Amino acid sequence: MLGVTDKHIAAQAADRPATQGNQRAESPTPRNPQPSTRLEGFLDVPALLARLPISERTLREEIKRRRIPVIRLPGSRRLLFDWPSVQRSLLRFQQGGIQ
């Protein structure tokens, strides 16, 4: 034996940071930072519906009739909207008010 006692092993273990199994000690920077929004400024269907007092069915009908401008990503079913463009498009149908 090399003269290593149980007290010596316990003292070394107490000096090391505690980890369980294969887990590493926490690093100072987060491992998975928040993903950046690459299409910032665009709205998806739920976000647009939160701003407009219409149903999803009405929204889809207005898109078909080309009354609401939409961005269709190639190879995807995802629909995106530019809020200022949607507002301008809807304001064309405004009636009344001072002319």
PDB file of N, CA and C in Angstrom:
ATOM      1  N   MET A   1       0.828  -1.174   0.000  1.00  0.00           N
ATOM      2  CA  MET A   1       0.000   0.000   0.000  1.00  0.00           C
ATOM      3  C   MET A   1       0.875   1.240   0.000  1.00  0.00           C
ATOM      4  N   LEU A   2       0.373   2.321  -0.533  1.00  0.00           N
ATOM      5  CA  LEU A   2       1.152   3.542  -0.683  1.00  0.00           C
ATOM      6  C   LEU A   2       0.995   4.486   0.499  1.00  0.00           C
ATOM      7  N   GLY A   3       0.302   4.108   1.520  1.00  0.00           N
ATOM      8  CA  GLY A   3       0.143   4.947   2.687  1.00  0.00           C
ATOM      9  C   GLY A   3      -1.020   5.924   2.570  1.00  0.00           C
ATOM     10  N   VAL A   4      -1.914   5.673   1.667  1.00  0.00           N
ATOM     11  CA  VAL A   4      -3.077   6.542   1.505  1.00  0.00           C
ATOM     12  C   VAL A   4      -4.153   6.058   2.456  1.00  0.00           C
ATOM     13  N   THR A   5      -4.614   6.916   3.294  1.00  0.00           N
ATOM     14  CA  THR A   5      -5.632   6.543   4.268  1.00  0.00           C
ATOM     15  C   THR A   5      -6.996   7.037   3.813  1.00  0.00           C
ATOM     16  N   ASP A   6      -8.015   6.501   4.443  1.00  0.00           N
ATOM     17  CA  ASP A   6      -9.379   6.931   4.138  1.00  0.00           C
ATOM     18  C   ASP A   6      -9.578   8.401   4.464  1.00  0.00           C
ATOM     19  N   LYS A   7      -8.896   8.873   5.534  1.00  0.00           N
ATOM     20  CA  LYS A   7      -9.004  10.291   5.896  1.00  0.00           C
ATOM     21  C   LYS A   7      -8.416  11.171   4.794  1.00  0.00           C
ATOM     22  N   HIS A   8      -7.326  10.727   4.183  1.00  0.00           N
ATOM     23  CA  HIS A   8      -6.675  11.489   3.122  1.00  0.00           C
ATOM     24  C   HIS A   8      -7.589  11.576   1.890  1.00  0.00           C
ATOM     25  N   ILE A   9      -8.225  10.466   1.529  1.00  0.00           N
ATOM     26  CA  ILE A   9      -9.139  10.442   0.389  1.00  0.00           C
ATOM     27  C   ILE A   9     -10.345  11.327   0.671  1.00  0.00           C
ATOM     28  N   ALA A  10     -10.876  11.260   1.882  1.00  0.00           N
ATOM     29  CA  ALA A  10     -12.026  12.084   2.247  1.00  0.00           C
ATOM     30  C   ALA A  10     -11.662  13.565   2.215  1.00  0.00           C
ATOM     31  N   ALA A  11     -10.443  13.907   2.628  1.00  0.00           N
ATOM     32  CA  ALA A  11     -10.014  15.309   2.618  1.00  0.00           C
ATOM     33  C   ALA A  11      -9.887  15.819   1.187  1.00  0.00           C
ATOM     34  N   GLN A  12      -9.375  14.989   0.273  1.00  0.00           N
ATOM     35  CA  GLN A  12      -9.267  15.400  -1.132  1.00  0.00           C
ATOM     36  C   GLN A  12     -10.641  15.584  -1.753  1.00  0.00           C
ATOM     37  N   ALA A  13     -11.571  14.686  -1.422  1.00  0.00           N
ATOM     38  CA  ALA A  13     -12.925  14.787  -1.957  1.00  0.00           C
ATOM     39  C   ALA A  13     -13.616  16.047  -1.457  1.00  0.00           C
ATOM     40  N   ALA A  14     -13.332  16.448  -0.227  1.00  0.00           N
ATOM     41  CA  ALA A  14     -13.950  17.646   0.328  1.00  0.00           C
ATOM     42  C   ALA A  14     -13.424  18.906  -0.359  1.00  0.00           C
ATOM     43  N   ASP A  15     -12.208  18.872  -0.878  1.00  0.00           N
ATOM     44  CA  ASP A  15     -11.627  20.033  -1.549  1.00  0.00           C
ATOM     45  C   ASP A  15     -12.167  20.231  -2.958  1.00  0.00           C
ATOM     46  N   ARG A  16     -12.639  19.160  -3.599  1.00  0.00           N
ATOM     47  CA  ARG A  16     -13.162  19.251  -4.974  1.00  0.00           C
ATOM     48  C   ARG A  16     -14.609  19.719  -4.954  1.00  0.00           C
ATOM     49  N   PRO A  17     -15.032  20.427  -6.034  1.00  0.00           N
ATOM     50  CA  PRO A  17     -16.447  20.811  -6.100  1.00  0.00           C
ATOM     51  C   PRO A  17     -17.310  19.567  -6.247  1.00  0.00           C
ATOM     52  N   ALA A  18     -18.452  19.591  -5.634  1.00  0.00           N
ATOM     53  CA  ALA A  18     -19.342  18.430  -5.663  1.00  0.00           C
ATOM     54  C   ALA A  18     -20.010  18.319  -7.025  1.00  0.00           C
ATOM     55  N   THR A  19     -19.889  17.162  -7.633  1.00  0.00           N
ATOM     56  CA  THR A  19     -20.596  16.860  -8.882  1.00  0.00           C
ATOM     57  C   THR A  19     -21.233  15.505  -8.717  1.00  0.00           C
ATOM     58  N   GLN A  20     -22.304  15.277  -9.439  1.00  0.00           N
ATOM     59  CA  GLN A  20     -22.984  13.995  -9.363  1.00  0.00           C
ATOM     60  C   GLN A  20     -22.809  13.279 -10.686  1.00  0.00           C
ATOM     61  N   GLY A  21     -22.371  12.051 -10.637  1.00  0.00           N
ATOM     62  CA  GLY A  21     -22.240  11.258 -11.844  1.00  0.00           C
ATOM     63  C   GLY A  21     -21.306  11.908 -12.846  1.00  0.00           C
ATOM     64  N   ASN A  22     -21.763  12.012 -14.079  1.00  0.00           N
ATOM     65  CA  ASN A  22     -20.956  12.594 -15.151  1.00  0.00           C
ATOM     66  C   ASN A  22     -21.239  14.075 -15.359  1.00  0.00           C
ATOM     67  N   GLN A  23     -21.970  14.692 -14.438  1.00  0.00           N
ATOM     68  CA  GLN A  23     -22.293  16.102 -14.601  1.00  0.00           C
ATOM     69  C   GLN A  23     -21.067  16.953 -14.337  1.00  0.00           C
ATOM     70  N   ARG A  24     -20.965  17.998 -15.104  1.00  0.00           N
ATOM     71  CA  ARG A  24     -19.875  18.950 -14.892  1.00  0.00           C
ATOM     72  C   ARG A  24     -20.341  20.035 -13.933  1.00  0.00           C
ATOM     73  N   ALA A  25     -19.378  20.685 -13.325  1.00  0.00           N
ATOM     74  CA  ALA A  25     -19.715  21.840 -12.495  1.00  0.00           C
ATOM     75  C   ALA A  25     -20.257  22.931 -13.402  1.00  0.00           C
ATOM     76  N   GLU A  26     -21.153  23.761 -12.881  1.00  0.00           N
ATOM     77  CA  GLU A  26     -21.772  24.807 -13.700  1.00  0.00           C
ATOM     78  C   GLU A  26     -20.740  25.783 -14.218  1.00  0.00           C
ATOM     79  N   SER A  27     -20.883  26.125 -15.491  1.00  0.00           N
ATOM     80  CA  SER A  27     -19.997  27.120 -16.082  1.00  0.00           C
ATOM     81  C   SER A  27     -20.599  28.498 -15.858  1.00  0.00           C
ATOM     82  N   PRO A  28     -19.793  29.538 -15.882  1.00  0.00           N
ATOM     83  CA  PRO A  28     -20.314  30.878 -15.619  1.00  0.00           C
ATOM     84  C   PRO A  28     -21.247  31.392 -16.716  1.00  0.00           C
ATOM     85  N   THR A  29     -21.113  30.892 -17.946  1.00  0.00           N
ATOM     86  CA  THR A  29     -21.996  31.336 -19.025  1.00  0.00           C
ATOM     87  C   THR A  29     -23.072  30.292 -19.253  1.00  0.00           C
ATOM     88  N   PRO A  30     -24.283  30.711 -19.619  1.00  0.00           N
ATOM     89  CA  PRO A  30     -25.354  29.737 -19.840  1.00  0.00           C
ATOM     90  C   PRO A  30     -25.033  28.858 -21.045  1.00  0.00           C
ATOM     91  N   ARG A  31     -25.417  27.610 -20.935  1.00  0.00           N
ATOM     92  CA  ARG A  31     -25.120  26.658 -21.996  1.00  0.00           C
ATOM     93  C   ARG A  31     -26.006  26.869 -23.210  1.00  0.00           C
ATOM     94  N   ASN A  32     -27.280  27.128 -22.995  1.00  0.00           N
ATOM     95  CA  ASN A  32     -28.230  27.348 -24.083  1.00  0.00           C
ATOM     96  C   ASN A  32     -28.828  28.744 -23.952  1.00  0.00           C
ATOM     97  N   PRO A  33     -28.147  29.764 -24.467  1.00  0.00           N
ATOM     98  CA  PRO A  33     -28.721  31.106 -24.358  1.00  0.00           C
ATOM     99  C   PRO A  33     -30.003  31.198 -25.181  1.00  0.00           C
ATOM    100  N   GLN A  34     -30.792  32.209 -24.894  1.00  0.00           N
ATOM    101  CA  GLN A  34     -32.038  32.396 -25.626  1.00  0.00           C
ATOM    102  C   GLN A  34     -31.751  32.474 -27.119  1.00  0.00           C
ATOM    103  N   PRO A  35     -32.526  31.744 -27.940  1.00  0.00           N
ATOM    104  CA  PRO A  35     -32.298  31.827 -29.378  1.00  0.00           C
ATOM    105  C   PRO A  35     -32.652  33.215 -29.884  1.00  0.00           C
ATOM    106  N   SER A  36     -31.871  33.720 -30.811  1.00  0.00           N
ATOM    107  CA  SER A  36     -32.164  35.040 -31.351  1.00  0.00           C
ATOM    108  C   SER A  36     -33.291  34.925 -32.365  1.00  0.00           C
ATOM    109  N   THR A  37     -34.123  35.920 -32.411  1.00  0.00           N
ATOM    110  CA  THR A  37     -35.215  35.938 -33.360  1.00  0.00           C
ATOM    111  C   THR A  37     -34.676  36.493 -34.670  1.00  0.00           C
ATOM    112  N   ARG A  38     -34.537  35.642 -35.637  1.00  0.00           N
ATOM    113  CA  ARG A  38     -33.949  36.062 -36.903  1.00  0.00           C
ATOM    114  C   ARG A  38     -34.906  36.933 -37.706  1.00  0.00           C
ATOM    115  N   LEU A  39     -36.194  36.715 -37.561  1.00  0.00           N
ATOM    116  CA  LEU A  39     -37.170  37.477 -38.324  1.00  0.00           C
ATOM    117  C   LEU A  39     -37.864  38.481 -37.414  1.00  0.00           C
ATOM    118  N   GLU A  40     -37.070  39.271 -36.747  1.00  0.00           N
ATOM    119  CA  GLU A  40     -37.601  40.241 -35.809  1.00  0.00           C
ATOM    120  C   GLU A  40     -38.453  41.263 -36.554  1.00  0.00           C
ATOM    121  N   GLY A  41     -39.570  41.633 -35.980  1.00  0.00           N
ATOM    122  CA  GLY A  41     -40.439  42.621 -36.589  1.00  0.00           C
ATOM    123  C   GLY A  41     -41.571  41.995 -37.380  1.00  0.00           C
ATOM    124  N   PHE A  42     -41.521  40.699 -37.610  1.00  0.00           N
ATOM    125  CA  PHE A  42     -42.595  40.013 -38.322  1.00  0.00           C
ATOM    126  C   PHE A  42     -43.467  39.282 -37.320  1.00  0.00           C
ATOM    127  N   LEU A  43     -44.732  39.118 -37.683  1.00  0.00           N
ATOM    128  CA  LEU A  43     -45.690  38.438 -36.816  1.00  0.00           C
ATOM    129  C   LEU A  43     -46.097  37.119 -37.450  1.00  0.00           C
ATOM    130  N   ASP A  44     -46.371  36.113 -36.612  1.00  0.00           N
ATOM    131  CA  ASP A  44     -46.955  34.886 -37.128  1.00  0.00           C
ATOM    132  C   ASP A  44     -48.472  34.977 -36.938  1.00  0.00           C
ATOM    133  N   VAL A  45     -49.192  33.931 -37.312  1.00  0.00           N
ATOM    134  CA  VAL A  45     -50.659  33.967 -37.261  1.00  0.00           C
ATOM    135  C   VAL A  45     -51.184  34.258 -35.850  1.00  0.00           C
ATOM    136  N   PRO A  46     -50.734  33.549 -34.806  1.00  0.00           N
ATOM    137  CA  PRO A  46     -51.276  33.862 -33.468  1.00  0.00           C
ATOM    138  C   PRO A  46     -50.988  35.298 -33.014  1.00  0.00           C
ATOM    139  N   ALA A  47     -49.808  35.815 -33.344  1.00  0.00           N
ATOM    140  CA  ALA A  47     -49.474  37.183 -32.939  1.00  0.00           C
ATOM    141  C   ALA A  47     -50.341  38.195 -33.681  1.00  0.00           C
ATOM    142  N   LEU A  48     -50.613  37.940 -34.959  1.00  0.00           N
ATOM    143  CA  LEU A  48     -51.470  38.849 -35.722  1.00  0.00           C
ATOM    144  C   LEU A  48     -52.904  38.795 -35.209  1.00  0.00           C
ATOM    145  N   LEU A  49     -53.373  37.593 -34.905  1.00  0.00           N
ATOM    146  CA  LEU A  49     -54.743  37.460 -34.388  1.00  0.00           C
ATOM    147  C   LEU A  49     -54.898  38.141 -33.029  1.00  0.00           C
ATOM    148  N   ALA A  50     -53.817  38.238 -32.270  1.00  0.00           N
ATOM    149  CA  ALA A  50     -53.879  38.943 -30.985  1.00  0.00           C
ATOM    150  C   ALA A  50     -54.069  40.445 -31.194  1.00  0.00           C
ATOM    151  N   ARG A  51     -53.657  40.951 -32.360  1.00  0.00           N
ATOM    152  CA  ARG A  51     -53.785  42.389 -32.643  1.00  0.00           C
ATOM    153  C   ARG A  51     -55.054  42.750 -33.399  1.00  0.00           C
ATOM    154  N   LEU A  52     -55.666  41.786 -34.064  1.00  0.00           N
ATOM    155  CA  LEU A  52     -56.855  42.062 -34.867  1.00  0.00           C
ATOM    156  C   LEU A  52     -58.085  41.410 -34.245  1.00  0.00           C
ATOM    157  N   PRO A  53     -59.226  42.086 -34.293  1.00  0.00           N
ATOM    158  CA  PRO A  53     -60.451  41.510 -33.723  1.00  0.00           C
ATOM    159  C   PRO A  53     -61.181  40.625 -34.734  1.00  0.00           C
ATOM    160  N   ILE A  54     -60.482  39.628 -35.289  1.00  0.00           N
ATOM    161  CA  ILE A  54     -61.090  38.712 -36.263  1.00  0.00           C
ATOM    162  C   ILE A  54     -60.710  37.282 -35.888  1.00  0.00           C
ATOM    163  N   SER A  55     -61.441  36.325 -36.459  1.00  0.00           N
ATOM    164  CA  SER A  55     -61.145  34.917 -36.206  1.00  0.00           C
ATOM    165  C   SER A  55     -60.067  34.436 -37.178  1.00  0.00           C
ATOM    166  N   GLU A  56     -59.510  33.274 -36.890  1.00  0.00           N
ATOM    167  CA  GLU A  56     -58.501  32.702 -37.772  1.00  0.00           C
ATOM    168  C   GLU A  56     -59.099  32.395 -39.139  1.00  0.00           C
ATOM    169  N   ARG A  57     -60.343  31.950 -39.155  1.00  0.00           N
ATOM    170  CA  ARG A  57     -61.017  31.649 -40.427  1.00  0.00           C
ATOM    171  C   ARG A  57     -61.142  32.912 -41.280  1.00  0.00           C
ATOM    172  N   THR A  58     -61.547  34.010 -40.660  1.00  0.00           N
ATOM    173  CA  THR A  58     -61.659  35.281 -41.392  1.00  0.00           C
ATOM    174  C   THR A  58     -60.286  35.730 -41.888  1.00  0.00           C
ATOM    175  N   LEU A  59     -59.268  35.578 -41.063  1.00  0.00           N
ATOM    176  CA  LEU A  59     -57.917  35.945 -41.476  1.00  0.00           C
ATOM    177  C   LEU A  59     -57.513  35.168 -42.723  1.00  0.00           C
ATOM    178  N   ARG A  60     -57.747  33.875 -42.720  1.00  0.00           N
ATOM    179  CA  ARG A  60     -57.363  33.054 -43.877  1.00  0.00           C
ATOM    180  C   ARG A  60     -58.166  33.421 -45.121  1.00  0.00           C
ATOM    181  N   GLU A  61     -59.425  33.773 -44.956  1.00  0.00           N
ATOM    182  CA  GLU A  61     -60.240  34.226 -46.096  1.00  0.00           C
ATOM    183  C   GLU A  61     -59.705  35.540 -46.662  1.00  0.00           C
ATOM    184  N   GLU A  62     -59.331  36.455 -45.788  1.00  0.00           N
ATOM    185  CA  GLU A  62     -58.804  37.748 -46.235  1.00  0.00           C
ATOM    186  C   GLU A  62     -57.441  37.570 -46.919  1.00  0.00           C
ATOM    187  N   ILE A  63     -56.676  36.602 -46.492  1.00  0.00           N
ATOM    188  CA  ILE A  63     -55.406  36.303 -47.167  1.00  0.00           C
ATOM    189  C   ILE A  63     -55.689  35.768 -48.569  1.00  0.00           C
ATOM    190  N   LYS A  64     -56.665  34.862 -48.679  1.00  0.00           N
ATOM    191  CA  LYS A  64     -57.035  34.308 -49.998  1.00  0.00           C
ATOM    192  C   LYS A  64     -57.503  35.406 -50.949  1.00  0.00           C
ATOM    193  N   ARG A  65     -58.261  36.356 -50.418  1.00  0.00           N
ATOM    194  CA  ARG A  65     -58.778  37.463 -51.237  1.00  0.00           C
ATOM    195  C   ARG A  65     -57.722  38.544 -51.473  1.00  0.00           C
ATOM    196  N   ARG A  66     -56.534  38.334 -50.915  1.00  0.00           N
ATOM    197  CA  ARG A  66     -55.403  39.252 -51.054  1.00  0.00           C
ATOM    198  C   ARG A  66     -55.675  40.618 -50.431  1.00  0.00           C
ATOM    199  N   ARG A  67     -56.470  40.643 -49.383  1.00  0.00           N
ATOM    200  CA  ARG A  67     -56.736  41.889 -48.658  1.00  0.00           C
ATOM    201  C   ARG A  67     -55.733  42.111 -47.535  1.00  0.00           C
ATOM    202  N   ILE A  68     -55.132  41.026 -47.064  1.00  0.00           N
ATOM    203  CA  ILE A  68     -54.099  41.111 -46.033  1.00  0.00           C
ATOM    204  C   ILE A  68     -52.809  40.551 -46.630  1.00  0.00           C
ATOM    205  N   PRO A  69     -51.760  41.367 -46.685  1.00  0.00           N
ATOM    206  CA  PRO A  69     -50.492  40.896 -47.260  1.00  0.00           C
ATOM    207  C   PRO A  69     -49.816  39.865 -46.361  1.00  0.00           C
ATOM    208  N   VAL A  70     -49.258  38.858 -46.969  1.00  0.00           N
ATOM    209  CA  VAL A  70     -48.644  37.759 -46.235  1.00  0.00           C
ATOM    210  C   VAL A  70     -47.313  37.394 -46.876  1.00  0.00           C
ATOM    211  N   ILE A  71     -46.399  36.913 -46.068  1.00  0.00           N
ATOM    212  CA  ILE A  71     -45.108  36.421 -46.550  1.00  0.00           C
ATOM    213  C   ILE A  71     -45.127  34.913 -46.346  1.00  0.00           C
ATOM    214  N   ARG A  72     -45.014  34.182 -47.434  1.00  0.00           N
ATOM    215  CA  ARG A  72     -44.974  32.715 -47.367  1.00  0.00           C
ATOM    216  C   ARG A  72     -43.526  32.280 -47.568  1.00  0.00           C
ATOM    217  N   LEU A  73     -42.977  31.621 -46.579  1.00  0.00           N
ATOM    218  CA  LEU A  73     -41.601  31.163 -46.672  1.00  0.00           C
ATOM    219  C   LEU A  73     -41.522  29.964 -47.611  1.00  0.00           C
ATOM    220  N   PRO A  74     -40.535  29.933 -48.506  1.00  0.00           N
ATOM    221  CA  PRO A  74     -40.413  28.815 -49.438  1.00  0.00           C
ATOM    222  C   PRO A  74     -40.231  27.485 -48.703  1.00  0.00           C
ATOM    223  N   GLY A  75     -40.969  26.493 -49.134  1.00  0.00           N
ATOM    224  CA  GLY A  75     -40.857  25.166 -48.539  1.00  0.00           C
ATOM    225  C   GLY A  75     -41.438  25.054 -47.151  1.00  0.00           C
ATOM    226  N   SER A  76     -42.277  25.987 -46.762  1.00  0.00           N
ATOM    227  CA  SER A  76     -42.827  25.977 -45.416  1.00  0.00           C
ATOM    228  C   SER A  76     -44.291  26.391 -45.459  1.00  0.00           C
ATOM    229  N   ARG A  77     -45.033  25.945 -44.469  1.00  0.00           N
ATOM    230  CA  ARG A  77     -46.430  26.376 -44.344  1.00  0.00           C
ATOM    231  C   ARG A  77     -46.550  27.644 -43.509  1.00  0.00           C
ATOM    232  N   ARG A  78     -45.451  28.069 -42.957  1.00  0.00           N
ATOM    233  CA  ARG A  78     -45.455  29.207 -42.046  1.00  0.00           C
ATOM    234  C   ARG A  78     -45.807  30.499 -42.779  1.00  0.00           C
ATOM    235  N   LEU A  79     -46.681  31.274 -42.162  1.00  0.00           N
ATOM    236  CA  LEU A  79     -47.079  32.568 -42.694  1.00  0.00           C
ATOM    237  C   LEU A  79     -46.543  33.655 -41.777  1.00  0.00           C
ATOM    238  N   LEU A  80     -45.982  34.694 -42.366  1.00  0.00           N
ATOM    239  CA  LEU A  80     -45.483  35.828 -41.600  1.00  0.00           C
ATOM    240  C   LEU A  80     -46.135  37.095 -42.115  1.00  0.00           C
ATOM    241  N   PHE A  81     -46.267  38.067 -41.229  1.00  0.00           N
ATOM    242  CA  PHE A  81     -46.927  39.321 -41.567  1.00  0.00           C
ATOM    243  C   PHE A  81     -46.071  40.486 -41.111  1.00  0.00           C
ATOM    244  N   ASP A  82     -46.025  41.525 -41.931  1.00  0.00           N
ATOM    245  CA  ASP A  82     -45.381  42.776 -41.554  1.00  0.00           C
ATOM    246  C   ASP A  82     -46.496  43.697 -41.074  1.00  0.00           C
ATOM    247  N   TRP A  83     -46.463  44.027 -39.788  1.00  0.00           N
ATOM    248  CA  TRP A  83     -47.572  44.775 -39.186  1.00  0.00           C
ATOM    249  C   TRP A  83     -47.867  46.102 -39.893  1.00  0.00           C
ATOM    250  N   PRO A  84     -46.880  46.932 -40.228  1.00  0.00           N
ATOM    251  CA  PRO A  84     -47.209  48.172 -40.942  1.00  0.00           C
ATOM    252  C   PRO A  84     -47.886  47.911 -42.295  1.00  0.00           C
ATOM    253  N   SER A  85     -47.484  46.869 -42.998  1.00  0.00           N
ATOM    254  CA  SER A  85     -48.116  46.534 -44.278  1.00  0.00           C
ATOM    255  C   SER A  85     -49.559  46.092 -44.075  1.00  0.00           C
ATOM    256  N   VAL A  86     -49.796  45.316 -43.029  1.00  0.00           N
ATOM    257  CA  VAL A  86     -51.163  44.870 -42.732  1.00  0.00           C
ATOM    258  C   VAL A  86     -52.034  46.075 -42.388  1.00  0.00           C
ATOM    259  N   GLN A  87     -51.510  46.990 -41.589  1.00  0.00           N
ATOM    260  CA  GLN A  87     -52.275  48.185 -41.231  1.00  0.00           C
ATOM    261  C   GLN A  87     -52.621  49.008 -42.469  1.00  0.00           C
ATOM    262  N   ARG A  88     -51.626  49.255 -43.333  1.00  0.00           N
ATOM    263  CA  ARG A  88     -51.887  50.031 -44.561  1.00  0.00           C
ATOM    264  C   ARG A  88     -52.933  49.358 -45.427  1.00  0.00           C
ATOM    265  N   SER A  89     -52.849  48.044 -45.542  1.00  0.00           N
ATOM    266  CA  SER A  89     -53.799  47.307 -46.359  1.00  0.00           C
ATOM    267  C   SER A  89     -55.216  47.423 -45.802  1.00  0.00           C
ATOM    268  N   LEU A  90     -55.348  47.296 -44.492  1.00  0.00           N
ATOM    269  CA  LEU A  90     -56.674  47.369 -43.885  1.00  0.00           C
ATOM    270  C   LEU A  90     -57.238  48.791 -43.912  1.00  0.00           C
ATOM    271  N   LEU A  91     -56.366  49.792 -43.831  1.00  0.00           N
ATOM    272  CA  LEU A  91     -56.840  51.177 -43.851  1.00  0.00           C
ATOM    273  C   LEU A  91     -57.415  51.571 -45.213  1.00  0.00           C
ATOM    274  N   ARG A  92     -57.111  50.815 -46.248  1.00  0.00           N
ATOM    275  CA  ARG A  92     -57.722  51.097 -47.561  1.00  0.00           C
ATOM    276  C   ARG A  92     -59.225  50.891 -47.516  1.00  0.00           C
ATOM    277  N   PHE A  93     -59.686  50.077 -46.578  1.00  0.00           N
ATOM    278  CA  PHE A  93     -61.113  49.781 -46.453  1.00  0.00           C
ATOM    279  C   PHE A  93     -61.792  50.672 -45.422  1.00  0.00           C
ATOM    280  N   GLN A  94     -61.076  51.646 -44.883  1.00  0.00           N
ATOM    281  CA  GLN A  94     -61.647  52.534 -43.881  1.00  0.00           C
ATOM    282  C   GLN A  94     -62.746  53.379 -44.517  1.00  0.00           C
ATOM    283  N   GLN A  95     -63.852  53.524 -43.791  1.00  0.00           N
ATOM    284  CA  GLN A  95     -64.960  54.334 -44.279  1.00  0.00           C
ATOM    285  C   GLN A  95     -65.308  55.386 -43.243  1.00  0.00           C
ATOM    286  N   GLY A  96     -65.804  56.507 -43.705  1.00  0.00           N
ATOM    287  CA  GLY A  96     -66.213  57.567 -42.794  1.00  0.00           C
ATOM    288  C   GLY A  96     -65.045  58.402 -42.353  1.00  0.00           C
ATOM    289  N   GLY A  97     -65.276  59.230 -41.378  1.00  0.00           N
ATOM    290  CA  GLY A  97     -64.230  60.090 -40.867  1.00  0.00           C
ATOM    291  C   GLY A  97     -64.104  61.337 -41.740  1.00  0.00           C
ATOM    292  N   ILE A  98     -63.166  62.188 -41.404  1.00  0.00           N
ATOM    293  CA  ILE A  98     -62.944  63.423 -42.139  1.00  0.00           C
ATOM    294  C   ILE A  98     -62.140  63.117 -43.388  1.00  0.00           C
ATOM    295  N   GLN A  99     -62.581  63.686 -44.502  1.00  0.00           N
ATOM    296  CA  GLN A  99     -61.906  63.424 -45.771  1.00  0.00           C
ATOM    297  C   GLN A  99     -61.102  64.599 -46.219  1.00  0.00           C
TER     298      GLN A  99
END
